[in-house]
N, C-alpha and C. Protein backbone atom coordinates (compact mmCIF):
# COMPACT_ATOMS: atom_id res chain seq x y z
N MET A 1 114.03 71.78 35.46
CA MET A 1 114.56 71.84 34.40
C MET A 1 115.86 71.15 34.21
N THR A 2 116.17 70.47 33.03
CA THR A 2 117.37 69.75 32.78
C THR A 2 118.18 70.33 31.88
N THR A 3 119.68 69.92 31.86
CA THR A 3 120.63 70.29 30.90
C THR A 3 121.30 69.19 30.84
N GLU A 4 122.11 69.32 29.54
CA GLU A 4 122.82 68.11 28.71
C GLU A 4 124.37 68.50 29.28
N LEU A 5 125.04 67.39 29.73
CA LEU A 5 126.37 67.40 30.03
C LEU A 5 127.09 66.22 29.67
N PRO A 6 128.43 66.41 29.19
CA PRO A 6 129.36 65.30 29.00
C PRO A 6 129.61 64.78 30.35
N LEU A 7 129.79 63.32 30.39
CA LEU A 7 129.67 62.63 31.79
C LEU A 7 131.16 61.98 31.65
N PHE A 8 131.77 61.83 32.92
CA PHE A 8 133.23 61.37 33.30
C PHE A 8 132.94 60.63 34.41
N PRO A 9 132.88 59.34 34.34
CA PRO A 9 132.86 58.39 35.37
C PRO A 9 134.31 58.24 36.37
N LEU A 10 134.06 58.30 37.47
CA LEU A 10 135.30 58.36 38.30
C LEU A 10 135.19 57.49 39.41
N GLY A 11 136.39 56.83 39.98
CA GLY A 11 136.23 55.82 41.13
C GLY A 11 136.36 56.75 42.33
N SER A 12 135.88 57.92 42.41
CA SER A 12 135.93 58.58 43.69
C SER A 12 134.56 59.60 43.67
N VAL A 13 134.26 60.34 44.71
CA VAL A 13 133.34 61.24 44.54
C VAL A 13 133.60 62.43 44.66
N LEU A 14 133.18 63.49 43.87
CA LEU A 14 133.61 65.06 43.71
C LEU A 14 132.42 65.60 44.48
N PHE A 15 132.98 66.59 45.41
CA PHE A 15 132.19 67.48 46.07
C PHE A 15 132.05 68.91 45.61
N PRO A 16 131.10 69.62 45.65
CA PRO A 16 131.21 70.99 45.09
C PRO A 16 132.34 71.80 45.97
N GLY A 17 133.07 72.64 45.53
CA GLY A 17 134.17 73.49 46.08
C GLY A 17 135.62 72.80 46.12
N VAL A 18 135.46 71.35 45.73
CA VAL A 18 136.65 70.61 46.00
C VAL A 18 137.58 70.77 44.48
N VAL A 19 138.73 70.93 44.70
CA VAL A 19 139.63 70.94 43.50
C VAL A 19 139.98 69.62 43.17
N LEU A 20 139.76 69.21 41.73
CA LEU A 20 139.94 67.77 41.10
C LEU A 20 140.88 67.89 40.17
N PRO A 21 142.35 67.45 40.14
CA PRO A 21 143.07 67.30 39.08
C PRO A 21 142.91 66.01 38.55
N LEU A 22 142.97 66.03 37.10
CA LEU A 22 142.91 64.76 36.35
C LEU A 22 143.95 64.37 35.20
N HIS A 23 144.55 63.41 35.01
CA HIS A 23 145.46 62.91 33.97
C HIS A 23 144.49 62.42 32.99
N ILE A 24 144.51 62.96 31.76
CA ILE A 24 143.28 62.56 30.68
C ILE A 24 144.23 61.59 29.54
N PHE A 25 143.98 60.34 29.55
CA PHE A 25 144.83 59.52 28.51
C PHE A 25 143.98 58.65 27.78
N GLU A 26 142.77 58.36 28.25
CA GLU A 26 141.90 57.63 27.24
C GLU A 26 141.29 58.35 26.09
N HIS A 27 141.09 58.04 24.90
CA HIS A 27 140.89 58.63 23.85
C HIS A 27 139.46 59.39 23.71
N ARG A 28 138.60 58.58 24.35
CA ARG A 28 137.17 59.53 24.53
C ARG A 28 137.17 60.54 25.28
N TYR A 29 138.16 60.46 26.36
CA TYR A 29 138.01 61.74 27.22
C TYR A 29 139.15 62.83 26.72
N ARG A 30 139.93 62.37 25.84
CA ARG A 30 140.77 63.13 25.15
C ARG A 30 139.83 64.26 24.27
N GLN A 31 138.91 63.37 23.63
CA GLN A 31 138.00 64.18 22.71
C GLN A 31 137.10 65.00 23.65
N LEU A 32 136.70 64.59 24.69
CA LEU A 32 135.77 65.50 25.44
C LEU A 32 136.46 66.68 25.79
N VAL A 33 137.90 66.75 26.29
CA VAL A 33 138.43 67.81 26.53
C VAL A 33 138.76 68.88 25.56
N ARG A 34 139.06 68.30 24.30
CA ARG A 34 139.34 68.81 22.90
C ARG A 34 138.03 69.66 22.66
N ASP A 35 136.90 69.09 22.86
CA ASP A 35 135.36 69.63 22.56
C ASP A 35 135.16 70.89 23.41
N LEU A 36 135.44 70.68 24.86
CA LEU A 36 135.28 71.72 25.61
C LEU A 36 136.18 72.83 25.42
N SER A 37 137.44 72.58 24.96
CA SER A 37 138.48 73.56 24.74
C SER A 37 137.95 74.29 23.49
N ALA A 38 137.27 73.88 22.60
CA ALA A 38 136.90 74.57 21.39
C ALA A 38 135.49 75.47 21.52
N LEU A 39 135.05 75.38 22.85
CA LEU A 39 133.86 76.27 22.91
C LEU A 39 134.19 77.73 22.99
N PRO A 40 133.34 78.47 22.79
CA PRO A 40 133.56 80.09 22.65
C PRO A 40 134.10 80.74 23.88
N GLU A 41 134.92 81.62 23.95
CA GLU A 41 135.47 82.16 24.99
C GLU A 41 134.26 82.67 25.98
N GLY A 42 134.46 82.34 27.32
CA GLY A 42 133.29 82.68 28.29
C GLY A 42 132.35 81.61 28.60
N ALA A 43 132.31 80.48 27.56
CA ALA A 43 131.32 79.48 27.76
C ALA A 43 131.82 78.70 29.01
N PRO A 44 131.20 78.01 29.83
CA PRO A 44 131.47 77.34 30.81
C PRO A 44 132.10 75.80 30.18
N ARG A 45 133.15 75.63 30.70
CA ARG A 45 133.83 74.29 30.17
C ARG A 45 133.73 73.44 31.50
N ARG A 46 132.38 72.72 31.30
CA ARG A 46 132.11 71.74 32.39
C ARG A 46 131.62 70.50 32.04
N PHE A 47 131.84 69.40 32.73
CA PHE A 47 131.35 68.15 32.60
C PHE A 47 130.78 67.70 33.97
N GLY A 48 130.12 66.56 33.73
CA GLY A 48 129.41 65.81 34.99
C GLY A 48 130.44 64.68 35.49
N VAL A 49 130.82 64.79 36.77
CA VAL A 49 131.51 63.64 37.28
C VAL A 49 130.62 62.67 38.09
N LEU A 50 130.39 61.45 37.82
CA LEU A 50 129.61 60.47 38.57
C LEU A 50 130.66 59.11 39.09
N ALA A 51 130.34 59.01 40.39
CA ALA A 51 131.24 57.96 40.96
C ALA A 51 130.74 56.64 40.48
N ILE A 52 131.81 55.67 40.39
CA ILE A 52 131.40 54.43 39.78
C ILE A 52 131.01 53.61 41.00
N LYS A 53 130.04 52.66 40.90
CA LYS A 53 129.79 51.81 42.03
C LYS A 53 130.65 50.59 42.12
N ASP A 54 131.28 50.33 43.20
CA ASP A 54 132.40 49.55 43.42
C ASP A 54 131.82 48.18 43.00
N GLY A 55 132.73 47.52 42.18
CA GLY A 55 132.53 46.08 41.71
C GLY A 55 131.42 45.80 40.87
N HIS A 56 130.75 46.77 40.19
CA HIS A 56 129.52 46.67 39.33
C HIS A 56 130.09 46.87 37.84
N GLU A 57 129.62 45.93 36.93
CA GLU A 57 129.64 46.12 35.53
C GLU A 57 128.35 45.71 34.98
N VAL A 58 127.68 46.63 34.33
CA VAL A 58 126.24 46.13 33.82
C VAL A 58 126.02 46.49 32.38
N GLY A 59 125.15 45.86 31.95
CA GLY A 59 124.89 46.46 30.47
C GLY A 59 125.72 45.65 29.39
N ARG A 60 125.58 46.41 28.28
CA ARG A 60 126.49 45.68 27.02
C ARG A 60 128.01 46.03 27.13
N GLY A 61 128.70 45.27 26.89
CA GLY A 61 130.21 45.62 26.91
C GLY A 61 130.62 45.65 28.27
N ASN A 62 131.59 46.60 28.63
CA ASN A 62 132.05 46.95 30.07
C ASN A 62 131.19 48.26 30.49
N VAL A 63 129.95 48.62 30.21
CA VAL A 63 129.51 49.56 30.78
C VAL A 63 129.51 49.55 32.28
N MET A 64 129.84 50.63 32.91
CA MET A 64 129.94 50.61 34.52
C MET A 64 128.61 51.00 35.09
N ALA A 65 128.29 50.51 36.23
CA ALA A 65 127.21 50.99 36.96
C ALA A 65 127.70 52.34 37.71
N LEU A 66 126.72 53.18 37.56
CA LEU A 66 127.02 54.66 37.88
C LEU A 66 126.04 55.06 39.23
N TYR A 67 126.62 55.83 40.08
CA TYR A 67 125.42 56.51 40.88
C TYR A 67 124.81 57.52 40.25
N ASP A 68 123.50 57.88 40.52
CA ASP A 68 122.68 58.85 39.78
C ASP A 68 122.94 60.33 40.37
N VAL A 69 123.47 60.37 41.43
CA VAL A 69 123.94 61.78 41.73
C VAL A 69 125.21 62.13 41.69
N GLY A 70 125.63 63.31 41.05
CA GLY A 70 126.99 63.53 40.81
C GLY A 70 127.41 65.08 40.93
N CYS A 71 128.49 65.55 40.47
CA CYS A 71 128.93 66.89 40.57
C CYS A 71 129.45 67.36 39.44
N THR A 72 129.16 68.66 39.12
CA THR A 72 129.61 69.40 37.81
C THR A 72 131.10 69.75 38.05
N ALA A 73 131.88 69.57 37.11
CA ALA A 73 133.31 69.85 37.28
C ALA A 73 133.62 70.87 36.29
N GLU A 74 134.18 72.05 36.61
CA GLU A 74 134.46 73.29 36.00
C GLU A 74 136.20 73.32 35.63
N ILE A 75 136.39 73.21 34.38
CA ILE A 75 137.83 73.04 34.05
C ILE A 75 138.42 74.55 34.13
N ASP A 76 139.56 74.58 35.10
CA ASP A 76 140.11 75.85 35.55
C ASP A 76 141.71 75.96 34.66
N SER A 77 142.26 74.84 34.27
CA SER A 77 143.45 74.78 33.41
C SER A 77 143.59 73.46 32.65
N ILE A 78 144.26 73.60 31.44
CA ILE A 78 144.47 72.62 30.79
C ILE A 78 145.95 72.80 30.16
N VAL A 79 146.75 71.48 30.35
CA VAL A 79 148.01 71.21 29.99
C VAL A 79 147.90 70.18 28.78
N GLU A 80 148.36 70.52 27.60
CA GLU A 80 148.30 69.39 26.73
C GLU A 80 149.69 68.71 26.36
N TYR A 81 149.98 67.63 26.08
CA TYR A 81 151.16 67.08 25.85
C TYR A 81 151.19 66.74 24.41
N GLU A 82 152.45 66.47 23.69
CA GLU A 82 152.42 66.43 22.37
C GLU A 82 151.88 64.88 21.83
N ASP A 83 151.94 63.79 22.64
CA ASP A 83 151.28 62.59 22.41
C ASP A 83 149.50 62.62 22.59
N GLY A 84 149.11 63.96 22.86
CA GLY A 84 147.63 64.02 22.98
C GLY A 84 147.01 63.74 24.33
N ARG A 85 147.92 63.54 25.25
CA ARG A 85 147.19 63.35 26.74
C ARG A 85 147.00 64.83 27.32
N PHE A 86 146.28 64.95 28.29
CA PHE A 86 146.03 66.34 28.87
C PHE A 86 146.17 66.06 30.48
N ASP A 87 146.70 66.98 31.00
CA ASP A 87 146.46 67.22 32.51
C ASP A 87 145.64 68.31 32.68
N ILE A 88 144.53 68.33 33.39
CA ILE A 88 143.52 69.39 33.67
C ILE A 88 143.47 69.51 35.31
N THR A 89 142.97 70.72 35.54
CA THR A 89 142.60 70.98 36.88
C THR A 89 141.10 71.51 36.91
N THR A 90 140.27 70.95 37.60
CA THR A 90 138.93 71.22 37.79
C THR A 90 138.46 71.59 39.14
N THR A 91 137.29 72.15 39.31
CA THR A 91 136.76 72.50 40.69
C THR A 91 135.33 72.03 40.52
N GLY A 92 134.92 71.31 41.59
CA GLY A 92 133.35 70.76 41.74
C GLY A 92 132.48 72.18 41.98
N VAL A 93 131.40 72.21 41.20
CA VAL A 93 130.70 73.33 41.23
C VAL A 93 129.31 73.15 42.02
N HIS A 94 128.53 72.24 41.27
CA HIS A 94 127.06 71.98 41.48
C HIS A 94 126.75 70.53 41.33
N ARG A 95 125.78 70.02 42.34
CA ARG A 95 125.40 68.89 42.58
C ARG A 95 124.15 68.57 41.25
N PHE A 96 124.28 67.27 40.79
CA PHE A 96 123.14 67.00 40.04
C PHE A 96 122.57 65.79 40.04
N ARG A 97 121.38 65.47 39.53
CA ARG A 97 120.88 64.22 39.59
C ARG A 97 120.64 63.79 37.94
N LEU A 98 121.21 62.60 37.79
CA LEU A 98 121.12 62.11 36.34
C LEU A 98 119.80 61.58 35.92
N GLU A 99 119.06 62.22 34.90
CA GLU A 99 117.78 61.77 34.45
C GLU A 99 118.00 60.95 33.30
N ALA A 100 118.78 60.90 32.46
CA ALA A 100 118.94 60.25 31.22
C ALA A 100 120.20 60.15 30.87
N PHE A 101 120.59 58.81 30.27
CA PHE A 101 122.00 58.56 29.94
C PHE A 101 122.23 58.10 28.58
N ASP A 102 123.16 58.63 27.80
CA ASP A 102 123.38 58.42 26.37
C ASP A 102 124.86 58.18 26.10
N ASP A 103 125.18 56.73 25.83
CA ASP A 103 126.57 56.61 25.49
C ASP A 103 126.75 56.18 23.97
N ASP A 104 126.18 56.80 22.99
CA ASP A 104 126.12 56.32 21.72
C ASP A 104 127.35 57.31 21.01
N GLY A 105 127.58 58.39 21.66
CA GLY A 105 128.76 59.23 21.01
C GLY A 105 130.13 58.86 21.16
N PRO A 106 131.10 59.75 21.12
CA PRO A 106 132.54 59.35 21.39
C PRO A 106 132.83 59.22 22.91
N TYR A 107 131.71 59.85 23.81
CA TYR A 107 131.87 59.75 25.17
C TYR A 107 130.41 59.84 25.74
N ALA A 108 130.21 59.38 26.85
CA ALA A 108 128.67 59.41 27.33
C ALA A 108 128.29 60.89 27.66
N ARG A 109 127.06 61.06 27.52
CA ARG A 109 126.46 62.38 27.88
C ARG A 109 125.24 62.09 28.61
N GLY A 110 124.61 63.14 29.45
CA GLY A 110 123.57 62.87 30.17
C GLY A 110 122.70 63.97 30.19
N GLU A 111 121.27 63.73 30.49
CA GLU A 111 120.28 64.91 30.77
C GLU A 111 120.49 64.99 32.32
N VAL A 112 120.78 66.09 32.98
CA VAL A 112 120.77 66.22 34.46
C VAL A 112 120.10 67.23 34.87
N GLU A 113 119.42 67.13 35.97
CA GLU A 113 118.81 68.22 36.84
C GLU A 113 119.84 68.83 37.96
N LEU A 114 120.03 70.07 37.82
CA LEU A 114 121.05 70.57 38.89
C LEU A 114 120.04 70.70 40.09
N LEU A 115 120.64 70.34 41.33
CA LEU A 115 119.90 70.18 42.42
C LEU A 115 120.27 71.66 43.63
N ASP A 116 119.10 71.83 44.18
CA ASP A 116 119.27 73.21 44.88
C ASP A 116 120.13 72.80 46.24
N GLU A 117 120.68 73.80 46.61
CA GLU A 117 121.31 73.68 48.00
C GLU A 117 120.35 74.29 48.99
N VAL A 118 119.80 73.35 49.93
CA VAL A 118 119.11 73.84 51.01
C VAL A 118 119.60 73.61 52.27
N ALA A 119 119.69 74.65 53.16
CA ALA A 119 120.48 74.48 54.45
C ALA A 119 119.77 73.66 55.41
N GLY A 120 118.39 73.78 55.56
CA GLY A 120 117.72 73.00 56.46
C GLY A 120 117.86 73.43 57.90
N PRO A 121 117.14 73.33 58.82
CA PRO A 121 117.07 74.01 60.24
C PRO A 121 118.34 73.61 60.93
N GLU A 122 118.79 74.67 61.66
CA GLU A 122 120.09 74.42 62.69
C GLU A 122 121.32 74.39 61.83
N ALA A 123 121.32 74.54 60.59
CA ALA A 123 122.73 74.25 59.76
C ALA A 123 123.88 75.16 60.36
N GLU A 124 123.38 76.38 60.68
CA GLU A 124 124.27 77.48 61.12
C GLU A 124 124.93 77.06 62.34
N MET A 125 123.90 76.63 63.28
CA MET A 125 124.30 76.10 64.76
C MET A 125 125.32 74.92 64.84
N LEU A 126 125.15 73.98 63.77
CA LEU A 126 125.75 72.75 63.81
C LEU A 126 127.16 72.91 63.23
N GLY A 127 127.48 74.02 62.56
CA GLY A 127 128.84 74.38 62.03
C GLY A 127 130.03 74.19 63.02
N PRO A 128 129.92 75.13 63.99
CA PRO A 128 131.06 75.00 64.90
C PRO A 128 131.51 73.65 65.54
N GLY A 129 130.42 73.17 65.81
CA GLY A 129 130.45 71.71 66.53
C GLY A 129 131.21 70.83 65.38
N LEU A 130 130.96 70.99 64.47
CA LEU A 130 131.40 69.95 63.29
C LEU A 130 133.03 70.10 63.12
N THR A 131 133.22 71.47 63.15
CA THR A 131 134.54 71.91 62.95
C THR A 131 135.47 71.31 64.06
N ALA A 132 135.10 71.42 65.27
CA ALA A 132 135.81 70.90 66.58
C ALA A 132 136.00 69.35 66.29
N LEU A 133 134.94 68.62 65.90
CA LEU A 133 135.16 67.17 65.70
C LEU A 133 136.09 66.97 64.49
N PHE A 134 135.94 67.55 63.64
CA PHE A 134 136.99 67.45 62.49
C PHE A 134 138.48 67.79 62.82
N ARG A 135 138.65 68.54 63.72
CA ARG A 135 139.98 69.02 64.00
C ARG A 135 140.47 67.72 65.35
N LYS A 136 139.45 67.03 65.89
CA LYS A 136 139.94 66.01 66.65
C LYS A 136 140.21 64.77 66.00
N TYR A 137 139.28 64.63 64.74
CA TYR A 137 139.63 63.51 63.90
C TYR A 137 140.85 63.76 63.12
N GLN A 138 141.39 64.72 62.71
CA GLN A 138 142.53 64.99 62.16
C GLN A 138 143.72 65.00 62.98
N ALA A 139 143.55 65.14 64.17
CA ALA A 139 144.58 64.98 65.24
C ALA A 139 144.81 63.47 65.51
N ALA A 140 143.84 62.86 65.59
CA ALA A 140 143.99 61.25 65.64
C ALA A 140 144.49 60.63 64.54
N LEU A 141 144.29 61.07 63.23
CA LEU A 141 144.65 60.56 61.98
C LEU A 141 146.07 60.85 61.94
N SER A 142 146.54 62.06 62.49
CA SER A 142 148.02 62.34 62.41
C SER A 142 148.78 61.30 63.16
N GLU A 143 148.26 60.97 64.30
CA GLU A 143 149.01 59.98 65.10
C GLU A 143 149.17 58.49 64.53
N LEU A 144 148.45 58.26 63.48
CA LEU A 144 148.43 56.91 63.05
C LEU A 144 149.57 56.59 62.16
N ARG A 145 150.29 55.52 62.43
CA ARG A 145 151.66 55.24 61.80
C ARG A 145 151.12 54.98 60.25
N GLY A 146 152.12 55.62 59.58
CA GLY A 146 151.88 55.47 58.10
C GLY A 146 151.06 56.37 57.39
N VAL A 147 150.57 57.39 58.19
CA VAL A 147 149.56 58.48 57.55
C VAL A 147 150.16 59.82 57.69
N GLN A 148 150.34 60.60 56.63
CA GLN A 148 150.84 61.97 56.69
C GLN A 148 149.67 63.00 56.52
N VAL A 149 149.64 63.82 57.58
CA VAL A 149 148.62 64.72 57.59
C VAL A 149 149.14 66.09 57.43
N GLY A 150 149.01 67.16 56.48
CA GLY A 150 149.40 68.43 56.55
C GLY A 150 148.66 69.30 57.54
N SER A 151 149.31 70.59 57.37
CA SER A 151 148.64 71.53 58.33
C SER A 151 147.14 71.72 57.97
N ILE A 152 146.40 71.91 58.91
CA ILE A 152 144.78 71.89 58.75
C ILE A 152 144.60 73.54 58.60
N PRO A 153 143.89 73.77 57.33
CA PRO A 153 143.76 75.34 56.84
C PRO A 153 142.66 75.79 57.91
N GLU A 154 142.49 77.10 57.85
CA GLU A 154 141.18 77.54 58.40
C GLU A 154 140.04 77.06 57.70
N LEU A 155 139.09 76.53 58.27
CA LEU A 155 137.80 76.00 57.99
C LEU A 155 136.88 77.08 57.57
N PRO A 156 136.06 76.75 56.59
CA PRO A 156 135.17 77.86 56.16
C PRO A 156 133.91 78.04 57.23
N GLU A 157 133.35 79.13 57.47
CA GLU A 157 132.14 79.18 58.33
C GLU A 157 130.89 79.05 57.75
N ASP A 158 130.84 79.10 56.39
CA ASP A 158 129.64 78.57 55.66
C ASP A 158 129.36 77.17 55.73
N PRO A 159 128.15 76.72 56.35
CA PRO A 159 127.85 75.37 56.71
C PRO A 159 127.81 74.50 55.62
N THR A 160 127.28 74.95 54.60
CA THR A 160 127.42 73.99 53.20
C THR A 160 128.66 73.79 52.68
N VAL A 161 129.53 74.70 52.62
CA VAL A 161 130.87 74.77 52.12
C VAL A 161 131.54 73.68 53.05
N LEU A 162 131.42 73.94 54.32
CA LEU A 162 131.99 73.27 55.33
C LEU A 162 131.75 71.76 55.23
N SER A 163 130.44 71.57 54.98
CA SER A 163 129.90 70.09 54.95
C SER A 163 130.74 69.25 53.72
N TYR A 164 130.74 70.06 52.56
CA TYR A 164 131.45 69.31 51.50
C TYR A 164 132.98 69.22 51.72
N LEU A 165 133.51 70.11 52.21
CA LEU A 165 135.04 70.07 52.37
C LEU A 165 135.39 68.72 53.47
N ILE A 166 134.36 68.87 54.48
CA ILE A 166 134.67 67.69 55.40
C ILE A 166 134.39 66.22 54.85
N GLY A 167 133.44 66.22 53.98
CA GLY A 167 132.96 65.06 53.33
C GLY A 167 134.03 64.72 52.43
N ALA A 168 134.82 65.56 51.75
CA ALA A 168 136.01 65.29 50.85
C ALA A 168 137.08 64.93 51.68
N ALA A 169 137.33 65.51 52.87
CA ALA A 169 138.61 65.47 53.43
C ALA A 169 138.71 64.09 54.36
N THR A 170 137.61 63.44 54.71
CA THR A 170 137.46 62.29 55.68
C THR A 170 137.59 61.07 54.88
N VAL A 171 138.51 60.23 55.69
CA VAL A 171 138.84 58.87 55.00
C VAL A 171 137.66 58.19 55.13
N LEU A 172 137.02 57.91 53.96
CA LEU A 172 135.78 57.00 53.96
C LEU A 172 135.70 56.33 52.58
N ASP A 173 134.97 55.26 52.40
CA ASP A 173 134.87 54.60 51.30
C ASP A 173 133.81 55.31 50.19
N THR A 174 133.67 54.91 48.98
CA THR A 174 133.10 55.76 47.98
C THR A 174 131.56 55.64 48.37
N TYR A 175 130.99 54.46 48.85
CA TYR A 175 129.64 54.54 49.19
C TYR A 175 129.12 55.31 50.24
N GLU A 176 129.85 55.63 51.34
CA GLU A 176 129.78 56.48 52.40
C GLU A 176 129.74 57.91 51.85
N LYS A 177 130.90 58.33 50.98
CA LYS A 177 131.02 59.68 50.58
C LYS A 177 129.62 59.93 49.78
N GLN A 178 129.42 59.02 48.81
CA GLN A 178 128.31 59.25 47.87
C GLN A 178 126.99 59.54 48.79
N ARG A 179 126.77 58.81 49.77
CA ARG A 179 125.79 59.27 50.76
C ARG A 179 125.67 60.52 51.18
N LEU A 180 126.80 60.99 51.56
CA LEU A 180 126.87 62.46 51.95
C LEU A 180 126.73 63.41 50.80
N LEU A 181 127.17 63.12 49.61
CA LEU A 181 126.88 63.85 48.52
C LEU A 181 125.35 63.94 48.38
N THR A 182 124.68 62.78 48.44
CA THR A 182 123.19 62.78 48.15
C THR A 182 122.25 63.38 49.02
N THR A 183 122.87 63.51 50.29
CA THR A 183 122.05 64.06 51.36
C THR A 183 121.30 65.44 51.19
N GLU A 184 120.20 65.53 51.35
CA GLU A 184 119.21 66.66 50.68
C GLU A 184 119.66 68.00 51.16
N THR A 185 119.66 68.15 52.66
CA THR A 185 120.13 69.44 53.10
C THR A 185 121.28 69.25 53.78
N THR A 186 121.93 70.63 53.86
CA THR A 186 123.15 70.86 54.74
C THR A 186 123.02 70.23 56.09
N ALA A 187 121.95 70.49 56.90
CA ALA A 187 121.77 70.26 58.26
C ALA A 187 121.84 68.65 58.47
N GLU A 188 121.20 67.90 57.50
CA GLU A 188 121.23 66.49 57.57
C GLU A 188 122.61 65.99 57.34
N ARG A 189 123.44 66.70 56.47
CA ARG A 189 124.80 66.29 56.06
C ARG A 189 125.74 66.41 57.37
N LEU A 190 125.60 67.62 57.86
CA LEU A 190 126.37 68.04 59.04
C LEU A 190 126.00 67.06 60.00
N ARG A 191 124.91 66.72 60.56
CA ARG A 191 124.64 65.46 61.32
C ARG A 191 125.13 64.31 61.18
N SER A 192 125.03 63.92 59.88
CA SER A 192 125.78 62.71 59.66
C SER A 192 127.12 62.59 59.70
N GLU A 193 127.66 63.73 59.28
CA GLU A 193 129.33 63.87 59.31
C GLU A 193 129.65 63.87 60.94
N ALA A 194 128.68 64.43 61.70
CA ALA A 194 129.12 64.44 63.27
C ALA A 194 129.23 62.89 63.74
N LYS A 195 128.35 62.22 63.34
CA LYS A 195 128.37 60.82 63.82
C LYS A 195 129.45 59.88 63.18
N ILE A 196 129.78 60.33 61.95
CA ILE A 196 130.98 59.64 61.39
C ILE A 196 132.19 59.92 61.88
N LEU A 197 132.45 61.41 62.20
CA LEU A 197 133.73 61.77 62.76
C LEU A 197 133.98 61.07 64.20
N ARG A 198 132.88 61.22 65.01
CA ARG A 198 132.99 60.63 66.21
C ARG A 198 133.29 59.01 66.16
N ARG A 199 132.58 58.47 65.28
CA ARG A 199 133.04 56.87 64.96
C ARG A 199 134.49 56.63 64.65
N GLU A 200 134.76 57.59 63.63
CA GLU A 200 136.27 57.37 62.94
C GLU A 200 137.23 57.65 64.02
N THR A 201 137.18 58.71 64.83
CA THR A 201 137.97 59.23 65.75
C THR A 201 138.18 58.17 66.70
N GLY A 202 137.03 57.41 67.09
CA GLY A 202 137.16 56.42 68.19
C GLY A 202 137.91 55.10 67.43
N ILE A 203 137.69 54.87 66.18
CA ILE A 203 138.40 53.67 65.62
C ILE A 203 140.02 54.10 65.51
N LEU A 204 140.29 55.21 65.36
CA LEU A 204 141.85 55.70 65.26
C LEU A 204 142.56 55.70 66.56
N LYS A 205 141.80 56.01 67.61
CA LYS A 205 142.31 56.06 68.84
C LYS A 205 142.44 54.51 69.39
N ASN A 206 141.66 53.65 69.04
CA ASN A 206 141.79 52.29 69.48
C ASN A 206 142.78 51.45 68.56
N LEU A 207 143.30 52.24 67.42
CA LEU A 207 144.19 51.42 66.59
C LEU A 207 145.24 52.21 66.17
N PRO A 208 146.00 52.52 67.31
CA PRO A 208 147.25 53.63 67.13
C PRO A 208 148.30 53.00 66.34
N SER A 209 148.51 51.63 66.24
CA SER A 209 149.70 51.16 65.47
C SER A 209 149.36 50.60 64.26
N LEU A 210 148.01 50.69 63.90
CA LEU A 210 147.72 49.97 62.73
C LEU A 210 148.18 50.55 61.43
N PRO A 211 148.82 50.03 60.62
CA PRO A 211 149.12 50.68 59.25
C PRO A 211 148.10 51.14 58.54
N ALA A 212 148.33 52.40 57.82
CA ALA A 212 147.05 53.09 57.27
C ALA A 212 146.27 52.05 56.24
N VAL A 213 147.19 51.43 55.34
CA VAL A 213 146.69 50.42 54.44
C VAL A 213 145.81 49.26 55.06
N ASP A 214 145.95 48.77 56.41
CA ASP A 214 145.20 47.76 56.91
C ASP A 214 143.95 48.55 57.47
N LEU A 215 144.08 49.59 57.89
CA LEU A 215 142.86 50.46 58.44
C LEU A 215 141.91 50.70 57.32
N LEU A 216 142.40 51.26 56.14
CA LEU A 216 141.53 51.25 54.97
C LEU A 216 140.85 49.95 54.32
N ARG A 217 141.57 48.87 54.66
CA ARG A 217 141.03 47.61 54.15
C ARG A 217 139.96 47.20 54.95
N ARG A 218 140.19 47.47 56.35
CA ARG A 218 139.02 47.13 57.45
C ARG A 218 137.90 47.95 56.97
N ARG A 219 138.04 49.23 56.49
CA ARG A 219 136.90 50.05 56.48
C ARG A 219 136.33 49.84 55.05
N SER A 220 136.69 49.14 54.14
CA SER A 220 136.31 49.02 52.87
C SER A 220 135.06 47.90 53.01
N ARG A 221 134.07 48.13 52.01
CA ARG A 221 132.84 47.66 51.98
C ARG A 221 132.98 46.26 51.19
């Protein structure tokens, strides 16, 4: 079953459960926020976030190439300014796959299929090990010159929530984050993240004096 959503292309990947603040200044997306604000009370004020493929522009005009798996964003708060701009706070809710794209209106809309969350075998067993790996990664990151790492909150026990939080919190390029978002089961995602965290922690420990900007440049695709 598909549903229609307004679409918001973004230069990063949104994961379910992750808070996403946005500053809305383009006129088409101002209209999107106004349209969602006008919905009846209790109706979900949501739109679909799709990551932009790095370095891609295809089609007529400057239409961006987008990944076909994204995440719905639910608006939690809206601040409107006198000049028509908005600051909004949203939370990622549900993964979806884009089935059809329509950019004939004031902003893009799409027919999307909401994706089921499947735990997969051993998801519960993989969670504690991944939590330990993530804490080692955070400790290595905090020792890198030029990187500020805040206090680490208590990590969730739910393996699916944990997998999305770690996917969002790990310093990765858009392609790799998108690969994690697209992974079909929680267990597969946790296994992929375990490999990534071991790799990234090793890189960080071997480059203790490398400025963060240089590290990210080396990691870019």
